[in-house]
Amino acid sequence: MDLTLPAVRAFVAVARAGSFRDAATSLGVSQPTVSAAVKRLEAVAGRPLLFRDRDGVRLTEMGGKVLAHAEVVTAAAGELEALLAGEDPGLTVGFMGEAAGARTSRLLDGVRRVSGREVRLRRFDFDDPACGLLSGATDLAVVWPPLATGEVVDVLVLGSDRRAVAVPVGDPLARLAVAGPADLEGRVWVVPRSPDQVWRAFRHPSSVGVTDVAAEVGSGAIEETLELVAAGRGIALLSQSTDEHYARAGVAFVPLSDDRRCTTAVAWRRADTRPVLTRIIEELREGASEVAGEGRAG
């Protein structure tokens, strides 16, 4: 098999960049070099890994499967190169804004302790709920499930929060102790703009039984959502703890009835079996089991 690291790196670069030209720029080589390298990998696969058109490139079904493993190969190679050069390869942990706070801090402390490496933190917004895992930009991520990436990404739930509706402080809803679907009918809603349809659907008012939505206003980030709510543009479905991490003047949070919950989780690429990640995930699982046991005992 003519399977080489440069060919794997070229394929990953093209998949991430969406074009051969941008991939060549990122790798510091010529575009024909990248094209030839990807063709060699496709020859090994015996089928196309990329659809090529005027708008750039898209992964074929086989290409998506190959990418999950190719990113692990390039990440491991990068770690080996850093180690041989006497450098700390480090780890990057992505996080979604709503998943910030104490859980993210505890996770980072655990990753540093288990790995003995430098840990970088990178923030993501609604356009990437998987927080860099699919592009290979991160090694682990603190996410806000559910995600439409079940075949590629595994998750371990760290905890849950009560779901709540964010409303302007002058809105009659702000005076309620809890809000049910009937209280939320016929309103304008601020909803996430995201390519992940599963993630977006869970954050739509219909997911909590609201059947009459007057209109929708799109938002690309948690800060934008809260600003739109404060300005009276609509109300939004969030977690109750959002009020702790992203307090905004002019916004009140009203818990939903029936103790509706959302979760915070740590996620990783299923194909990434590097020993350092395996150790981290094993420890996280043990910690999650201990917490669950204490909860049952209480």
Protein backbone atom coordinates (compact mmCIF):
# COMPACT_ATOMS: atom_id res chain seq x y z
CA MET A 1 0.00 0.00 0.00
CA ASP A 2 1.36 3.42 -0.98
CA LEU A 3 0.10 4.99 2.24
CA THR A 4 2.35 7.85 3.33
CA LEU A 5 2.10 10.48 6.05
CA PRO A 6 2.34 13.38 3.54
CA ALA A 7 -0.64 11.93 1.65
CA VAL A 8 -2.67 11.61 4.84
CA ARG A 9 -1.75 15.14 5.91
CA ALA A 10 -2.66 16.52 2.50
CA PHE A 11 -6.08 14.83 2.62
CA VAL A 12 -6.79 16.17 6.12
CA ALA A 13 -5.72 19.67 5.07
CA VAL A 14 -8.00 19.64 2.02
CA ALA A 15 -10.94 18.29 4.03
CA ARG A 16 -10.49 21.01 6.67
CA ALA A 17 -9.87 23.88 4.24
CA GLY A 18 -12.50 22.90 1.69
CA SER A 19 -10.17 23.53 -1.24
CA PHE A 20 -6.84 22.33 -2.64
CA ARG A 21 -5.52 25.87 -2.93
CA ASP A 22 -6.12 26.75 0.73
CA ALA A 23 -4.77 23.37 1.83
CA ALA A 24 -1.58 23.97 -0.15
CA THR A 25 -1.18 27.36 1.50
CA SER A 26 -1.62 25.87 4.98
CA LEU A 27 0.93 23.15 4.25
CA GLY A 28 3.40 25.48 2.55
CA VAL A 29 3.56 23.41 -0.64
CA SER A 30 2.26 23.75 -4.19
CA GLN A 31 -1.31 22.92 -5.16
CA PRO A 32 -0.21 20.18 -7.63
CA THR A 33 1.73 18.54 -4.78
CA VAL A 34 -1.39 18.41 -2.62
CA SER A 35 -3.53 17.16 -5.51
CA ALA A 36 -1.08 14.37 -6.29
CA ALA A 37 -0.86 13.33 -2.64
CA VAL A 38 -4.65 13.08 -2.29
CA LYS A 39 -4.88 11.09 -5.52
CA ARG A 40 -2.35 8.62 -4.10
CA LEU A 41 -4.52 8.14 -1.02
CA GLU A 42 -7.63 7.70 -3.18
CA ALA A 43 -5.73 5.10 -5.20
CA VAL A 44 -5.06 3.17 -1.99
CA ALA A 45 -8.76 3.44 -1.07
CA GLY A 46 -9.80 2.38 -4.55
CA ARG A 47 -12.52 5.03 -4.65
CA PRO A 48 -12.95 8.83 -4.44
CA LEU A 49 -12.65 10.41 -1.00
CA LEU A 50 -13.67 13.88 -2.15
CA PHE A 51 -16.30 15.38 -4.44
CA ARG A 52 -14.72 18.15 -6.50
CA ASP A 53 -16.80 21.01 -7.94
CA ARG A 54 -16.69 24.76 -8.54
CA ASP A 55 -17.45 25.55 -4.90
CA GLY A 56 -14.54 23.48 -3.61
CA VAL A 57 -14.51 19.95 -2.24
CA ARG A 58 -16.84 17.83 -0.13
CA LEU A 59 -16.21 14.51 1.56
CA THR A 60 -17.69 11.37 0.09
CA GLU A 61 -19.18 8.87 2.54
CA MET A 62 -15.91 6.94 2.48
CA GLY A 63 -14.00 10.19 2.81
CA GLY A 64 -15.82 11.01 6.04
CA LYS A 65 -14.86 7.64 7.50
CA VAL A 66 -11.25 8.03 6.39
CA LEU A 67 -11.03 11.56 7.78
CA ALA A 68 -11.89 10.44 11.33
CA HIS A 69 -8.89 8.07 11.29
CA ALA A 70 -6.63 10.35 9.26
CA GLU A 71 -6.97 13.11 11.85
CA VAL A 72 -5.85 10.69 14.55
CA VAL A 73 -2.80 9.75 12.45
CA THR A 74 -1.79 13.36 11.85
CA ALA A 75 -2.37 14.31 15.50
CA ALA A 76 -0.23 11.39 16.68
CA ALA A 77 2.48 12.26 14.17
CA GLY A 78 2.47 15.85 15.36
CA GLU A 79 2.84 14.69 18.96
CA LEU A 80 5.73 12.41 18.01
CA GLU A 81 7.49 15.19 16.13
CA ALA A 82 7.08 17.54 19.09
CA LEU A 83 8.37 14.90 21.49
CA LEU A 84 11.43 14.18 19.33
CA ALA A 85 12.10 17.92 19.16
CA GLY A 86 11.92 18.16 22.95
CA GLU A 87 8.69 20.16 22.91
CA ASP A 88 5.45 19.75 24.85
CA PRO A 89 2.84 18.72 22.20
CA GLY A 90 0.02 20.00 24.42
CA LEU A 91 -3.69 19.32 24.13
CA THR A 92 -6.50 21.59 22.96
CA VAL A 93 -9.89 21.49 24.66
CA GLY A 94 -12.77 23.18 22.87
CA PHE A 95 -15.87 24.38 24.65
CA MET A 96 -19.32 25.68 23.83
CA GLY A 97 -20.33 28.88 25.57
CA GLU A 98 -23.29 27.35 27.41
CA ALA A 99 -21.04 24.57 28.70
CA ALA A 100 -18.64 26.99 30.39
CA GLY A 101 -18.19 27.43 34.10
CA ALA A 102 -17.12 25.19 36.95
CA ARG A 103 -17.38 21.92 34.99
CA THR A 104 -15.03 23.19 32.28
CA SER A 105 -12.51 24.33 34.90
CA ARG A 106 -12.58 20.96 36.66
CA LEU A 107 -12.16 19.15 33.34
CA LEU A 108 -9.12 21.24 32.43
CA ASP A 109 -7.54 20.57 35.82
CA GLY A 110 -8.08 16.84 35.33
CA VAL A 111 -6.67 16.85 31.79
CA ARG A 112 -3.55 18.69 32.96
CA ARG A 113 -3.03 16.31 35.86
CA VAL A 114 -3.52 13.08 33.88
CA SER A 115 -1.65 14.15 30.74
CA GLY A 116 1.10 16.20 32.34
CA ARG A 117 0.85 18.50 29.33
CA GLU A 118 0.02 22.07 28.55
CA VAL A 119 -3.72 22.43 27.90
CA ARG A 120 -5.07 25.11 25.62
CA LEU A 121 -8.70 26.24 25.78
CA ARG A 122 -10.56 27.29 22.62
CA ARG A 123 -14.06 28.75 22.51
CA PHE A 124 -16.65 27.84 19.83
CA ASP A 125 -20.09 29.19 18.94
CA PHE A 126 -23.28 27.91 17.35
CA ASP A 127 -21.69 27.29 13.94
CA ASP A 128 -19.66 24.40 15.42
CA PRO A 129 -21.45 22.61 18.30
CA ALA A 130 -18.85 19.81 18.11
CA CYS A 131 -16.29 22.43 19.15
CA GLY A 132 -13.53 21.65 16.68
CA LEU A 133 -13.56 17.86 16.97
CA LEU A 134 -14.73 17.25 13.40
CA SER A 135 -12.12 19.59 11.93
CA GLY A 136 -9.34 18.26 14.13
CA ALA A 137 -8.84 21.64 15.77
CA THR A 138 -9.36 20.16 19.25
CA ASP A 139 -8.51 16.93 21.08
CA LEU A 140 -11.38 17.05 23.57
CA ALA A 141 -14.41 19.29 23.87
CA VAL A 142 -16.97 20.34 26.46
CA VAL A 143 -20.24 20.28 24.53
CA TRP A 144 -23.95 20.77 25.01
CA PRO A 145 -25.62 17.64 23.49
CA PRO A 146 -27.34 16.29 21.52
CA LEU A 147 -25.10 16.39 18.43
CA ALA A 148 -25.57 15.00 14.93
CA THR A 149 -22.18 13.29 15.11
CA GLY A 150 -22.97 10.00 16.84
CA GLU A 151 -20.95 7.85 14.44
CA VAL A 152 -17.82 9.99 14.80
CA VAL A 153 -17.93 11.54 18.27
CA ASP A 154 -18.46 9.88 21.66
CA VAL A 155 -19.72 11.83 24.68
CA LEU A 156 -19.62 11.38 28.44
CA VAL A 157 -22.20 13.39 30.38
CA LEU A 158 -20.64 15.52 33.12
CA GLY A 159 -23.84 16.93 34.56
CA SER A 160 -27.22 18.45 33.81
CA ASP A 161 -28.92 21.82 34.13
CA ARG A 162 -32.56 22.79 34.24
CA ARG A 163 -33.84 24.29 31.01
CA ALA A 164 -35.12 27.85 31.18
CA VAL A 165 -36.47 30.61 28.99
CA ALA A 166 -34.62 33.92 28.84
CA VAL A 167 -36.99 36.89 28.65
CA PRO A 168 -36.73 40.69 28.93
CA VAL A 169 -37.07 41.77 32.57
CA GLY A 170 -40.18 43.81 31.72
CA ASP A 171 -41.93 40.85 30.07
CA PRO A 172 -44.91 39.40 32.02
CA LEU A 173 -43.19 36.00 31.79
CA ALA A 174 -40.44 37.31 34.09
CA ARG A 175 -42.91 37.29 36.99
CA LEU A 176 -43.61 33.54 36.69
CA ALA A 177 -41.98 31.01 39.03
CA VAL A 178 -41.95 28.44 36.19
CA ALA A 179 -43.11 28.56 32.57
CA GLY A 180 -44.95 25.84 30.69
CA PRO A 181 -45.65 25.46 26.95
CA ALA A 182 -48.99 27.25 27.22
CA ASP A 183 -47.26 30.33 28.65
CA LEU A 184 -44.87 30.46 25.68
CA GLU A 185 -47.27 30.22 22.75
CA GLY A 186 -47.47 32.94 20.10
CA ARG A 187 -44.09 34.51 20.92
CA VAL A 188 -41.10 35.57 18.82
CA TRP A 189 -38.12 33.32 19.57
CA VAL A 190 -34.39 33.83 19.25
CA VAL A 191 -33.07 30.52 17.86
CA PRO A 192 -29.55 29.29 17.02
CA ARG A 193 -28.16 29.35 13.50
CA SER A 194 -26.24 26.09 13.20
CA PRO A 195 -25.47 23.47 10.53
CA ASP A 196 -26.06 20.71 13.12
CA GLN A 197 -29.77 20.02 12.71
CA VAL A 198 -30.02 17.75 15.77
CA TRP A 199 -28.35 20.31 18.01
CA ARG A 200 -30.47 23.14 16.60
CA ALA A 201 -33.75 21.20 16.94
CA PHE A 202 -33.17 20.57 20.65
CA ARG A 203 -32.86 24.34 21.14
CA HIS A 204 -36.01 25.17 19.22
CA PRO A 205 -39.17 25.93 21.26
CA SER A 206 -40.97 23.02 19.60
CA SER A 207 -38.67 20.69 21.59
CA VAL A 208 -40.43 21.74 24.81
CA GLY A 209 -43.97 21.53 23.43
CA VAL A 210 -44.46 25.04 22.01
CA THR A 211 -46.63 24.73 18.90
CA ASP A 212 -47.31 28.38 18.04
CA VAL A 213 -44.16 30.36 17.16
CA ALA A 214 -44.94 33.86 15.89
CA ALA A 215 -41.52 34.38 14.31
CA GLU A 216 -37.87 33.40 14.64
CA VAL A 217 -34.75 35.57 14.96
CA GLY A 218 -31.46 33.80 14.24
CA SER A 219 -28.41 34.03 16.52
CA GLY A 220 -24.85 32.80 16.08
CA ALA A 221 -23.61 32.89 19.69
CA ILE A 222 -24.80 32.94 23.27
CA GLU A 223 -23.82 36.61 23.73
CA GLU A 224 -25.79 37.58 20.63
CA THR A 225 -28.80 35.64 21.92
CA LEU A 226 -28.78 37.45 25.26
CA GLU A 227 -28.34 40.84 23.60
CA LEU A 228 -31.32 40.15 21.33
CA VAL A 229 -33.44 39.12 24.33
CA ALA A 230 -32.39 42.21 26.32
CA ALA A 231 -33.33 44.38 23.33
CA GLY A 232 -36.83 42.86 23.25
CA ARG A 233 -36.35 41.08 19.93
CA GLY A 234 -37.60 37.76 21.30
CA ILE A 235 -37.28 35.14 24.02
CA ALA A 236 -34.83 32.22 24.02
CA LEU A 237 -34.53 28.65 25.24
CA LEU A 238 -31.32 28.23 27.27
CA SER A 239 -30.04 26.53 30.42
CA GLN A 240 -30.70 28.02 33.84
CA SER A 241 -26.96 28.16 34.62
CA THR A 242 -26.46 30.46 31.63
CA ASP A 243 -27.64 33.20 33.97
CA GLU A 244 -24.63 32.49 36.23
CA HIS A 245 -21.98 32.49 33.48
CA TYR A 246 -23.41 35.14 31.14
CA ALA A 247 -25.43 37.49 33.33
CA ARG A 248 -26.99 40.30 31.28
CA ALA A 249 -28.76 43.38 32.57
CA GLY A 250 -32.32 43.40 31.29
CA VAL A 251 -32.62 39.61 30.99
CA ALA A 252 -34.48 37.29 33.40
CA PHE A 253 -34.41 33.47 33.39
CA VAL A 254 -37.58 31.53 34.12
CA PRO A 255 -37.22 27.74 34.67
CA LEU A 256 -39.39 25.47 32.56
CA SER A 257 -42.05 23.36 34.24
CA ASP A 258 -41.69 19.58 34.68
CA ASP A 259 -37.97 19.94 35.50
CA ARG A 260 -36.90 19.73 31.85
CA ARG A 261 -33.13 19.19 31.65
CA CYS A 262 -30.19 19.70 29.30
CA THR A 263 -26.72 18.21 29.73
CA THR A 264 -23.08 19.20 29.62
CA ALA A 265 -20.68 16.53 28.32
CA VAL A 266 -17.08 15.94 27.37
CA ALA A 267 -16.66 14.68 23.80
CA TRP A 268 -13.87 13.13 21.75
CA ARG A 269 -13.36 11.55 18.33
CA ARG A 270 -14.23 7.87 18.55
CA ALA A 271 -11.33 6.91 16.30
CA ASP A 272 -8.79 8.78 18.46
CA THR A 273 -7.18 6.04 20.54
CA ARG A 274 -4.00 7.86 21.53
CA PRO A 275 -2.87 6.58 24.95
CA VAL A 276 -2.99 10.02 26.54
CA LEU A 277 -6.65 10.50 25.56
CA THR A 278 -7.52 6.96 26.62
CA ARG A 279 -6.09 7.68 30.09
CA ILE A 280 -7.97 10.97 30.36
CA ILE A 281 -11.30 9.44 29.31
CA GLU A 282 -10.89 6.48 31.67
CA GLU A 283 -10.34 8.84 34.59
CA LEU A 284 -13.30 10.98 33.57
CA ARG A 285 -15.50 7.88 33.42
CA GLU A 286 -14.38 6.86 36.91
CA GLY A 287 -15.12 10.35 38.22
CA ALA A 288 -18.55 10.37 36.59
CA SER A 289 -19.34 6.96 38.12
CA GLU A 290 -18.32 8.18 41.58
CA VAL A 291 -20.52 11.25 41.28
CA ALA A 292 -23.46 9.14 40.10
CA GLY A 293 -22.92 6.75 43.03
CA GLU A 294 -22.90 9.60 45.52
CA GLY A 295 -26.11 10.93 43.96
CA ARG A 296 -27.86 7.57 44.33
CA ALA A 297 -26.62 7.22 47.92
CA GLY A 298 -27.97 10.69 48.74
